[in-house]
Amino acid sequence: MSDALLTFLLRLADDHLILGHRLSEWCGHAPMLEEDLAMPNMALDLIGQARALYQYAAEIEGKGRSEDDLAYLRRERDYVNCLMVERPNGDFGHTMLRQLYFAAFMEPFWTMASTSRDETLAGIAAKAVKETAYHIRHAGEWVVRLGDGTEESRRRMEAAIDALAPYVDELFEGDAVSAEMTKAGIAPEPASLRAEFDRTVGAIFAEARLTFAPAAYAQTGGRQGRHGEAMGFILADLQHMQRTYPGATW
């Protein structure tokens, strides 16, 4: 159980760390001042969730590693985040759609995890579900505004839907780890979250006059440490300080 729980926690933590880092790349580059504040704040939510999960993972592992060690000193193949969160930001519409997809998946996850038999995870989930609800609202408003906006903004949203479609199904993949977490009453099976995801995204797409077109194929492998080439560039940036100044503390 401890090995499965550790893998499960690292998957969650890696998802949130990598997506938080992606959002942080918009700081100083957002299209308006309000977004220059909102996007880093959402990134801080995600990184805060990642920090709590890494702390718990380090405790479960029991090898003396800290949250910083887990976040910054692993190699690329040791990260087990889903592929969607590592995708490049693209334009603003692409980033907002990626954020909507991830938040629409995580909100029902955190809601169910708030009643987990694992008290530590339940505590993390109770806080995270409130933050995730805001992420859905914020990203969803932009998807509607851009999808039902100008001809150019609609074209870009449709391009974002096409670009991200191959990465949606991986969110709902299950394996022996997820099955063990479900059996132990710790977390829901990912596939059980699909109906709520579809309702959330479907309602927003209907208002935006957009249509979700499933990809002809699905990309997978992130949960097993197989990543796209973008991941190496993310880690080069993310790990620069820790590897340049080993053991440095604030």
Protein backbone atom coordinates (compact mmCIF):
# COMPACT_ATOMS: atom_id res chain seq x y z
CA MET A 1 0.00 0.00 0.00
CA SER A 2 2.77 2.46 0.84
CA ASP A 3 4.39 2.03 -2.60
CA ALA A 4 1.07 2.54 -4.38
CA LEU A 5 0.22 5.54 -2.20
CA LEU A 6 3.61 7.10 -2.89
CA THR A 7 3.18 6.71 -6.65
CA PHE A 8 -0.34 8.10 -6.43
CA LEU A 9 0.80 11.16 -4.45
CA LEU A 10 3.68 11.83 -6.84
CA ARG A 11 1.33 11.72 -9.82
CA LEU A 12 -0.92 14.31 -8.23
CA ALA A 13 1.96 16.47 -7.05
CA ASP A 14 3.76 16.36 -10.41
CA ASP A 15 0.56 17.34 -12.24
CA HIS A 16 0.16 20.41 -10.08
CA LEU A 17 3.82 21.44 -9.99
CA ILE A 18 4.30 21.26 -13.75
CA LEU A 19 1.03 23.02 -14.58
CA GLY A 20 1.74 25.64 -11.92
CA HIS A 21 5.13 26.27 -13.52
CA ARG A 22 3.54 26.54 -16.96
CA LEU A 23 1.07 29.16 -15.70
CA SER A 24 3.86 31.08 -13.97
CA GLU A 25 5.48 31.58 -17.38
CA TRP A 26 2.70 34.06 -18.17
CA CYS A 27 3.73 36.40 -15.35
CA GLY A 28 4.58 39.72 -17.01
CA HIS A 29 3.32 38.47 -20.39
CA ALA A 30 -0.45 38.21 -19.94
CA PRO A 31 -2.66 40.20 -22.33
CA MET A 32 -4.03 42.52 -19.63
CA LEU A 33 -3.09 43.61 -16.10
CA GLU A 34 -5.92 41.68 -14.46
CA GLU A 35 -4.67 38.45 -16.01
CA ASP A 36 -1.10 39.29 -15.06
CA LEU A 37 -2.35 39.00 -11.47
CA ALA A 38 -4.90 36.20 -11.88
CA MET A 39 -2.68 33.70 -13.67
CA PRO A 40 0.22 33.76 -11.19
CA ASN A 41 -2.34 33.45 -8.39
CA MET A 42 -3.74 30.31 -10.00
CA ALA A 43 -0.16 29.08 -10.38
CA LEU A 44 0.38 29.65 -6.66
CA ASP A 45 -2.76 27.62 -5.90
CA LEU A 46 -1.39 24.72 -7.92
CA ILE A 47 2.10 24.92 -6.47
CA GLY A 48 0.66 25.14 -2.96
CA GLN A 49 -1.29 21.95 -3.61
CA ALA A 50 1.84 20.33 -5.05
CA ARG A 51 3.83 21.33 -1.96
CA ALA A 52 1.34 19.71 0.42
CA LEU A 53 1.34 16.54 -1.67
CA TYR A 54 5.15 16.38 -1.88
CA GLN A 55 5.40 16.86 1.88
CA TYR A 56 3.08 13.92 2.42
CA ALA A 57 4.87 11.84 -0.21
CA ALA A 58 8.23 12.47 1.48
CA GLU A 59 6.74 11.34 4.78
CA ILE A 60 5.33 8.18 3.21
CA GLU A 61 8.62 7.42 1.43
CA GLY A 62 10.60 7.71 4.67
CA LYS A 63 14.01 8.10 3.02
CA GLY A 64 14.86 11.54 4.34
CA ARG A 65 14.01 13.40 1.15
CA SER A 66 12.23 16.74 1.45
CA GLU A 67 9.49 18.28 -0.65
CA ASP A 68 12.18 20.26 -2.49
CA ASP A 69 14.13 17.09 -3.27
CA LEU A 70 11.02 15.50 -4.79
CA ALA A 71 10.06 18.63 -6.71
CA TYR A 72 13.46 19.69 -8.03
CA LEU A 73 15.98 16.85 -7.90
CA ARG A 74 14.42 14.00 -9.85
CA ARG A 75 15.20 13.13 -13.44
CA GLU A 76 12.71 13.47 -16.26
CA ARG A 77 11.66 9.81 -16.33
CA ASP A 78 10.95 9.95 -12.58
CA TYR A 79 8.16 12.50 -13.09
CA VAL A 80 4.75 10.91 -13.52
CA ASN A 81 2.53 13.83 -14.48
CA CYS A 82 -0.04 13.57 -17.24
CA LEU A 83 1.11 14.85 -20.62
CA MET A 84 -1.46 17.65 -20.85
CA VAL A 85 0.10 19.77 -18.09
CA GLU A 86 3.52 19.83 -19.72
CA ARG A 87 2.24 21.04 -23.08
CA PRO A 88 3.61 24.46 -24.12
CA ASN A 89 1.39 27.42 -23.28
CA GLY A 90 0.67 28.37 -26.87
CA ASP A 91 -1.54 31.45 -27.12
CA PHE A 92 -3.76 32.74 -24.33
CA GLY A 93 -6.79 30.76 -25.50
CA HIS A 94 -4.78 27.53 -25.55
CA THR A 95 -3.63 28.14 -21.97
CA MET A 96 -7.16 28.86 -20.76
CA LEU A 97 -8.55 25.72 -22.39
CA ARG A 98 -5.80 23.57 -20.87
CA GLN A 99 -6.60 25.09 -17.48
CA LEU A 100 -10.30 24.42 -17.92
CA TYR A 101 -9.72 20.78 -18.85
CA PHE A 102 -7.45 20.13 -15.89
CA ALA A 103 -9.67 21.94 -13.39
CA ALA A 104 -12.80 20.22 -14.71
CA PHE A 105 -11.07 16.90 -14.04
CA MET A 106 -9.71 17.85 -10.62
CA GLU A 107 -12.85 19.41 -9.13
CA PRO A 108 -14.82 16.14 -8.90
CA PHE A 109 -11.61 14.39 -7.87
CA TRP A 110 -11.01 16.77 -4.95
CA THR A 111 -14.69 16.70 -4.02
CA MET A 112 -14.63 12.93 -3.65
CA ALA A 113 -11.18 12.91 -2.06
CA SER A 114 -12.39 15.29 0.66
CA THR A 115 -14.14 12.27 2.21
CA SER A 116 -11.10 10.00 1.78
CA ARG A 117 -10.18 7.49 4.46
CA ASP A 118 -6.74 9.07 4.31
CA GLU A 119 -7.12 12.07 6.63
CA THR A 120 -4.10 13.92 5.23
CA LEU A 121 -5.36 13.69 1.66
CA ALA A 122 -8.87 14.65 2.77
CA GLY A 123 -7.48 17.80 4.36
CA ILE A 124 -5.56 18.76 1.22
CA ALA A 125 -8.66 18.09 -0.89
CA ALA A 126 -10.98 20.21 1.27
CA LYS A 127 -8.86 23.30 0.56
CA ALA A 128 -8.03 22.46 -3.03
CA VAL A 129 -11.64 21.98 -4.16
CA LYS A 130 -12.44 25.63 -3.43
CA GLU A 131 -9.44 26.84 -5.41
CA THR A 132 -10.22 24.51 -8.29
CA ALA A 133 -13.81 25.78 -8.52
CA TYR A 134 -12.41 29.28 -9.08
CA HIS A 135 -10.07 27.97 -11.80
CA ILE A 136 -13.04 26.48 -13.65
CA ARG A 137 -14.97 29.71 -13.40
CA HIS A 138 -12.06 31.88 -14.50
CA ALA A 139 -10.88 29.69 -17.38
CA GLY A 140 -14.45 28.94 -18.42
CA GLU A 141 -15.32 32.62 -18.72
CA TRP A 142 -12.39 33.13 -21.06
CA VAL A 143 -13.27 30.09 -23.17
CA VAL A 144 -16.78 31.53 -23.61
CA ARG A 145 -15.48 35.02 -24.33
CA LEU A 146 -13.02 33.80 -26.95
CA GLY A 147 -15.17 31.07 -28.45
CA ASP A 148 -18.15 33.38 -28.88
CA GLY A 149 -16.02 36.42 -29.73
CA THR A 150 -14.40 37.50 -32.95
CA GLU A 151 -13.70 35.31 -35.94
CA GLU A 152 -10.02 35.27 -34.98
CA SER A 153 -10.59 34.39 -31.33
CA ARG A 154 -12.95 31.58 -32.33
CA ARG A 155 -10.42 30.22 -34.81
CA ARG A 156 -7.81 30.11 -32.08
CA MET A 157 -10.10 28.35 -29.62
CA GLU A 158 -10.97 25.74 -32.22
CA ALA A 159 -7.24 25.26 -32.89
CA ALA A 160 -6.67 24.81 -29.14
CA ILE A 161 -9.42 22.17 -28.96
CA ASP A 162 -7.76 20.24 -31.79
CA ALA A 163 -4.30 20.56 -30.24
CA LEU A 164 -5.33 19.38 -26.77
CA ALA A 165 -7.82 16.67 -27.78
CA PRO A 166 -5.19 13.87 -27.87
CA TYR A 167 -4.29 14.55 -24.22
CA VAL A 168 -7.76 14.45 -22.65
CA ASP A 169 -8.28 10.69 -22.38
CA GLU A 170 -5.06 10.17 -20.41
CA LEU A 171 -6.61 12.06 -17.50
CA PHE A 172 -9.08 9.21 -17.02
CA GLU A 173 -6.68 6.27 -17.40
CA GLY A 174 -6.64 3.74 -14.59
CA ASP A 175 -4.10 1.11 -13.59
CA ALA A 176 -3.13 -1.04 -10.63
CA VAL A 177 -2.19 2.03 -8.56
CA SER A 178 -5.51 3.83 -9.07
CA ALA A 179 -7.40 0.58 -8.50
CA GLU A 180 -5.64 0.06 -5.17
CA MET A 181 -6.40 3.64 -4.08
CA THR A 182 -10.07 3.15 -4.93
CA LYS A 183 -10.26 -0.21 -3.16
CA ALA A 184 -8.74 1.34 -0.02
CA GLY A 185 -11.22 4.23 -0.07
CA ILE A 186 -8.45 6.77 -0.58
CA ALA A 187 -9.32 8.24 -3.98
CA PRO A 188 -11.83 7.78 -6.81
CA GLU A 189 -11.09 5.80 -9.93
CA PRO A 190 -10.20 8.32 -12.68
CA ALA A 191 -12.73 6.90 -15.14
CA SER A 192 -15.55 7.64 -12.69
CA LEU A 193 -14.87 11.38 -13.09
CA ARG A 194 -15.50 11.47 -16.84
CA ALA A 195 -19.26 12.14 -16.66
CA GLU A 196 -18.79 15.19 -14.42
CA PHE A 197 -15.93 16.43 -16.61
CA ASP A 198 -18.12 16.10 -19.70
CA ARG A 199 -20.97 18.01 -18.02
CA THR A 200 -18.72 20.87 -16.92
CA VAL A 201 -16.89 21.24 -20.22
CA GLY A 202 -20.05 20.61 -22.25
CA ALA A 203 -21.96 23.41 -20.53
CA ILE A 204 -19.14 25.89 -21.12
CA PHE A 205 -18.66 24.80 -24.73
CA ALA A 206 -22.39 25.16 -25.39
CA GLU A 207 -22.28 28.76 -24.17
CA ALA A 208 -19.15 29.40 -26.22
CA ARG A 209 -20.72 27.76 -29.30
CA LEU A 210 -17.77 25.35 -29.49
CA THR A 211 -17.76 21.63 -30.16
CA PHE A 212 -15.43 19.10 -28.58
CA ALA A 213 -14.11 16.74 -31.23
CA PRO A 214 -12.43 13.62 -29.81
CA ALA A 215 -8.99 12.89 -31.21
CA ALA A 216 -8.51 10.00 -33.58
CA TYR A 217 -5.79 8.77 -31.21
CA ALA A 218 -4.87 9.42 -27.60
CA GLN A 219 -1.42 10.29 -26.31
CA THR A 220 -0.37 8.41 -23.20
CA GLY A 221 2.70 7.50 -21.16
CA GLY A 222 3.07 10.38 -18.75
CA ARG A 223 2.03 8.27 -15.76
CA GLN A 224 4.88 5.88 -16.60
CA GLY A 225 7.46 8.66 -16.98
CA ARG A 226 7.37 8.85 -20.78
CA HIS A 227 7.17 12.52 -21.73
CA GLY A 228 7.32 14.79 -24.75
CA GLU A 229 10.38 16.85 -25.59
CA ALA A 230 8.88 19.90 -23.87
CA MET A 231 9.35 18.26 -20.47
CA GLY A 232 13.12 18.45 -20.59
CA PHE A 233 13.00 22.19 -21.22
CA ILE A 234 10.57 22.68 -18.33
CA LEU A 235 12.86 20.84 -15.92
CA ALA A 236 15.95 22.70 -17.14
CA ASP A 237 14.22 25.92 -16.10
CA LEU A 238 12.52 24.55 -12.99
CA GLN A 239 15.61 22.85 -11.55
CA HIS A 240 18.23 25.45 -12.46
CA MET A 241 18.67 27.00 -9.01
CA GLN A 242 18.68 23.74 -7.07
CA ARG A 243 21.23 22.12 -9.37
CA THR A 244 23.43 25.21 -9.67
CA TYR A 245 23.53 25.74 -5.90
CA PRO A 246 23.06 22.27 -4.33
CA GLY A 247 21.63 22.37 -0.84
CA ALA A 248 20.93 26.10 -0.94
CA THR A 249 18.16 27.34 1.37
CA TRP A 250 16.37 30.66 1.64
